[in-house]
Amino acid sequence: MRINFDSIKPVYIQISEAIEDDIISGSLTEGNAAYSQLIIARELSVNPATAAKGINVLVAKGILEKQRGSSMVVAYGALDRLLSERRETGVNKLISNLVLEADKVGMSKNEVIEKIKSHYNGLEGKHNE
């Protein structure tokens, strides 16, 4: 987990997004323990309250939950919720920004599509290694 202390994005949001990324990547799995606020605080050299705030963002979204007698766990269904959310909000926002920027610099729709295809082709090579 990495935090950019120079970012305008609050540290607690970066923490919640980093945990989400770990769920999406499979480093954290549904039904299993998530990171504790004390471990996050110690490893990132942040206040435990800041770590707790990042965790609480995910509790409020139903991504993490407290299990009786143990620490926070990744909620069942969390991965599907995160993927759906990222597809609907994150990817759509990126596409909107891409189209606006391409229009500003005079790129045609076909040029943008070809650039996207080129990047996907590069990813396919990485997945096959």
C-alpha atoms as a PDB file:
ATOM      1  CA  MET A   1       0.000   0.000   0.000  1.00  0.00           C
ATOM      2  CA  ARG A   2       1.399   3.357  -1.032  1.00  0.00           C
ATOM      3  CA  ILE A   3       0.296   6.809  -0.004  1.00  0.00           C
ATOM      4  CA  ASN A   4       1.244  10.037  -1.741  1.00  0.00           C
ATOM      5  CA  PHE A   5       1.506  12.645   0.981  1.00  0.00           C
ATOM      6  CA  ASP A   6       1.929  15.374  -1.670  1.00  0.00           C
ATOM      7  CA  SER A   7      -1.421  14.559  -3.279  1.00  0.00           C
ATOM      8  CA  ILE A   8      -4.425  16.832  -2.871  1.00  0.00           C
ATOM      9  CA  LYS A   9      -6.454  13.663  -2.239  1.00  0.00           C
ATOM     10  CA  PRO A  10      -6.880  13.129   1.522  1.00  0.00           C
ATOM     11  CA  VAL A  11      -4.766  10.339   3.022  1.00  0.00           C
ATOM     12  CA  TYR A  12      -7.806   8.491   4.386  1.00  0.00           C
ATOM     13  CA  ILE A  13      -9.316   8.354   0.871  1.00  0.00           C
ATOM     14  CA  GLN A  14      -6.004   7.047  -0.500  1.00  0.00           C
ATOM     15  CA  ILE A  15      -6.075   4.363   2.199  1.00  0.00           C
ATOM     16  CA  SER A  16      -9.621   3.291   1.317  1.00  0.00           C
ATOM     17  CA  GLU A  17      -8.779   3.231  -2.393  1.00  0.00           C
ATOM     18  CA  ALA A  18      -5.615   1.196  -1.740  1.00  0.00           C
ATOM     19  CA  ILE A  19      -7.649  -1.373   0.205  1.00  0.00           C
ATOM     20  CA  GLU A  20     -10.169  -1.468  -2.649  1.00  0.00           C
ATOM     21  CA  ASP A  21      -7.305  -2.046  -5.095  1.00  0.00           C
ATOM     22  CA  ASP A  22      -6.076  -4.945  -2.954  1.00  0.00           C
ATOM     23  CA  ILE A  23      -9.554  -6.489  -3.012  1.00  0.00           C
ATOM     24  CA  ILE A  24      -9.779  -6.102  -6.786  1.00  0.00           C
ATOM     25  CA  SER A  25      -6.298  -7.579  -7.290  1.00  0.00           C
ATOM     26  CA  GLY A  26      -7.083 -10.547  -5.033  1.00  0.00           C
ATOM     27  CA  SER A  27      -4.577  -9.662  -2.296  1.00  0.00           C
ATOM     28  CA  LEU A  28      -7.556  -9.394   0.061  1.00  0.00           C
ATOM     29  CA  THR A  29     -10.404 -11.855  -0.411  1.00  0.00           C
ATOM     30  CA  GLU A  30     -14.019 -11.965   0.668  1.00  0.00           C
ATOM     31  CA  GLY A  31     -14.610 -13.467   4.085  1.00  0.00           C
ATOM     32  CA  ASN A  32     -10.995 -13.021   5.135  1.00  0.00           C
ATOM     33  CA  ALA A  33      -9.364 -10.485   7.413  1.00  0.00           C
ATOM     34  CA  ALA A  34      -8.555  -7.033   6.109  1.00  0.00           C
ATOM     35  CA  TYR A  35      -5.796  -4.776   7.386  1.00  0.00           C
ATOM     36  CA  SER A  36      -6.199  -3.398  10.897  1.00  0.00           C
ATOM     37  CA  GLN A  37      -6.029   0.310  11.540  1.00  0.00           C
ATOM     38  CA  LEU A  38      -2.950  -0.163  13.710  1.00  0.00           C
ATOM     39  CA  ILE A  39      -1.061  -2.057  11.019  1.00  0.00           C
ATOM     40  CA  ILE A  40      -2.000   0.554   8.414  1.00  0.00           C
ATOM     41  CA  ALA A  41      -0.987   3.370  10.759  1.00  0.00           C
ATOM     42  CA  ARG A  42       2.340   1.764  11.589  1.00  0.00           C
ATOM     43  CA  GLU A  43       3.265   0.771   8.025  1.00  0.00           C
ATOM     44  CA  LEU A  44       2.288   4.123   6.516  1.00  0.00           C
ATOM     45  CA  SER A  45       3.393   6.286   9.449  1.00  0.00           C
ATOM     46  CA  VAL A  46      -0.031   7.883   9.773  1.00  0.00           C
ATOM     47  CA  ASN A  47      -2.244   8.604  12.742  1.00  0.00           C
ATOM     48  CA  PRO A  48      -4.391   5.568  13.690  1.00  0.00           C
ATOM     49  CA  ALA A  49      -7.455   7.825  13.484  1.00  0.00           C
ATOM     50  CA  THR A  50      -6.618   8.529   9.834  1.00  0.00           C
ATOM     51  CA  ALA A  51      -6.309   4.813   9.141  1.00  0.00           C
ATOM     52  CA  ALA A  52      -9.621   4.210  10.927  1.00  0.00           C
ATOM     53  CA  LYS A  53     -11.291   6.903   8.828  1.00  0.00           C
ATOM     54  CA  GLY A  54     -10.143   5.166   5.636  1.00  0.00           C
ATOM     55  CA  ILE A  55     -11.454   1.838   6.910  1.00  0.00           C
ATOM     56  CA  ASN A  56     -14.766   3.419   7.951  1.00  0.00           C
ATOM     57  CA  VAL A  57     -15.313   4.703   4.403  1.00  0.00           C
ATOM     58  CA  LEU A  58     -15.307   1.069   3.291  1.00  0.00           C
ATOM     59  CA  VAL A  59     -17.504  -0.052   6.186  1.00  0.00           C
ATOM     60  CA  ALA A  60     -20.075   2.583   5.166  1.00  0.00           C
ATOM     61  CA  LYS A  61     -19.972   1.248   1.585  1.00  0.00           C
ATOM     62  CA  GLY A  62     -20.441  -2.342   2.771  1.00  0.00           C
ATOM     63  CA  ILE A  63     -16.998  -3.385   1.501  1.00  0.00           C
ATOM     64  CA  LEU A  64     -15.583  -4.188   4.950  1.00  0.00           C
ATOM     65  CA  GLU A  65     -17.458  -5.420   7.995  1.00  0.00           C
ATOM     66  CA  LYS A  66     -16.668  -6.103  11.619  1.00  0.00           C
ATOM     67  CA  GLN A  67     -17.015  -9.729  12.588  1.00  0.00           C
ATOM     68  CA  ARG A  68     -17.739 -10.540  16.176  1.00  0.00           C
ATOM     69  CA  GLY A  69     -14.587 -11.579  17.976  1.00  0.00           C
ATOM     70  CA  SER A  70     -12.224 -10.663  15.145  1.00  0.00           C
ATOM     71  CA  SER A  71     -11.016  -7.746  13.116  1.00  0.00           C
ATOM     72  CA  MET A  72     -12.411  -6.244   9.944  1.00  0.00           C
ATOM     73  CA  VAL A  73     -13.105  -8.682   7.138  1.00  0.00           C
ATOM     74  CA  VAL A  74     -13.807  -8.213   3.466  1.00  0.00           C
ATOM     75  CA  ALA A  75     -17.570  -8.491   3.036  1.00  0.00           C
ATOM     76  CA  TYR A  76     -19.051 -11.118   0.758  1.00  0.00           C
ATOM     77  CA  GLY A  77     -20.028  -9.460  -2.509  1.00  0.00           C
ATOM     78  CA  ALA A  78     -17.441  -6.698  -2.035  1.00  0.00           C
ATOM     79  CA  LEU A  79     -15.519  -7.566  -5.178  1.00  0.00           C
ATOM     80  CA  ASP A  80     -18.610  -7.447  -7.386  1.00  0.00           C
ATOM     81  CA  ARG A  81     -19.700  -4.128  -5.827  1.00  0.00           C
ATOM     82  CA  LEU A  82     -16.267  -2.601  -6.346  1.00  0.00           C
ATOM     83  CA  LEU A  83     -15.994  -3.779  -9.942  1.00  0.00           C
ATOM     84  CA  SER A  84     -19.461  -2.484 -10.724  1.00  0.00           C
ATOM     85  CA  GLU A  85     -18.732   0.862  -9.070  1.00  0.00           C
ATOM     86  CA  ARG A  86     -15.417   1.277 -10.868  1.00  0.00           C
ATOM     87  CA  ARG A  87     -16.979   0.373 -14.216  1.00  0.00           C
ATOM     88  CA  GLU A  88     -19.894   2.750 -13.788  1.00  0.00           C
ATOM     89  CA  THR A  89     -18.165   5.727 -12.224  1.00  0.00           C
ATOM     90  CA  GLY A  90     -14.436   5.420 -12.718  1.00  0.00           C
ATOM     91  CA  VAL A  91     -14.276   4.146 -16.275  1.00  0.00           C
ATOM     92  CA  ASN A  92     -17.112   6.374 -17.471  1.00  0.00           C
ATOM     93  CA  LYS A  93     -15.388   9.419 -15.996  1.00  0.00           C
ATOM     94  CA  LEU A  94     -12.095   8.466 -17.655  1.00  0.00           C
ATOM     95  CA  ILE A  95     -13.823   7.952 -20.994  1.00  0.00           C
ATOM     96  CA  SER A  96     -15.596  11.293 -20.700  1.00  0.00           C
ATOM     97  CA  ASN A  97     -12.290  13.046 -19.963  1.00  0.00           C
ATOM     98  CA  LEU A  98     -10.584  11.154 -22.798  1.00  0.00           C
ATOM     99  CA  VAL A  99     -13.230  12.220 -25.325  1.00  0.00           C
ATOM    100  CA  LEU A 100     -13.091  15.850 -24.164  1.00  0.00           C
ATOM    101  CA  GLU A 101      -9.280  15.936 -24.345  1.00  0.00           C
ATOM    102  CA  ALA A 102      -9.220  14.204 -27.741  1.00  0.00           C
ATOM    103  CA  ASP A 103     -11.711  16.759 -29.054  1.00  0.00           C
ATOM    104  CA  LYS A 104      -9.563  19.621 -27.725  1.00  0.00           C
ATOM    105  CA  VAL A 105      -6.533  18.363 -29.620  1.00  0.00           C
ATOM    106  CA  GLY A 106      -8.487  17.585 -32.781  1.00  0.00           C
ATOM    107  CA  MET A 107      -8.405  13.795 -32.693  1.00  0.00           C
ATOM    108  CA  SER A 108     -11.109  11.965 -34.608  1.00  0.00           C
ATOM    109  CA  LYS A 109     -13.240   9.226 -33.090  1.00  0.00           C
ATOM    110  CA  ASN A 110     -11.377   6.646 -35.191  1.00  0.00           C
ATOM    111  CA  GLU A 111      -7.987   7.907 -33.966  1.00  0.00           C
ATOM    112  CA  VAL A 112      -9.121   7.597 -30.355  1.00  0.00           C
ATOM    113  CA  ILE A 113     -10.498   4.103 -30.973  1.00  0.00           C
ATOM    114  CA  GLU A 114      -7.237   3.039 -32.621  1.00  0.00           C
ATOM    115  CA  LYS A 115      -5.232   4.384 -29.648  1.00  0.00           C
ATOM    116  CA  ILE A 116      -7.442   2.415 -27.273  1.00  0.00           C
ATOM    117  CA  LYS A 117      -7.053  -0.740 -29.373  1.00  0.00           C
ATOM    118  CA  SER A 118      -3.289  -0.246 -29.408  1.00  0.00           C
ATOM    119  CA  HIS A 119      -3.200  -0.025 -25.614  1.00  0.00           C
ATOM    120  CA  TYR A 120      -5.373  -3.124 -25.278  1.00  0.00           C
ATOM    121  CA  ASN A 121      -3.017  -4.998 -27.619  1.00  0.00           C
ATOM    122  CA  GLY A 122      -0.136  -4.005 -25.341  1.00  0.00           C
ATOM    123  CA  LEU A 123      -2.032  -5.358 -22.331  1.00  0.00           C
ATOM    124  CA  GLU A 124      -2.744  -8.653 -24.072  1.00  0.00           C
ATOM    125  CA  GLY A 125       0.991  -9.216 -24.495  1.00  0.00           C
ATOM    126  CA  LYS A 126       1.559  -8.625 -20.782  1.00  0.00           C
ATOM    127  CA  HIS A 127      -1.180 -11.070 -19.769  1.00  0.00           C
ATOM    128  CA  ASN A 128       0.269 -13.789 -21.985  1.00  0.00           C
ATOM    129  CA  GLU A 129       3.784 -13.619 -20.512  1.00  0.00           C
END
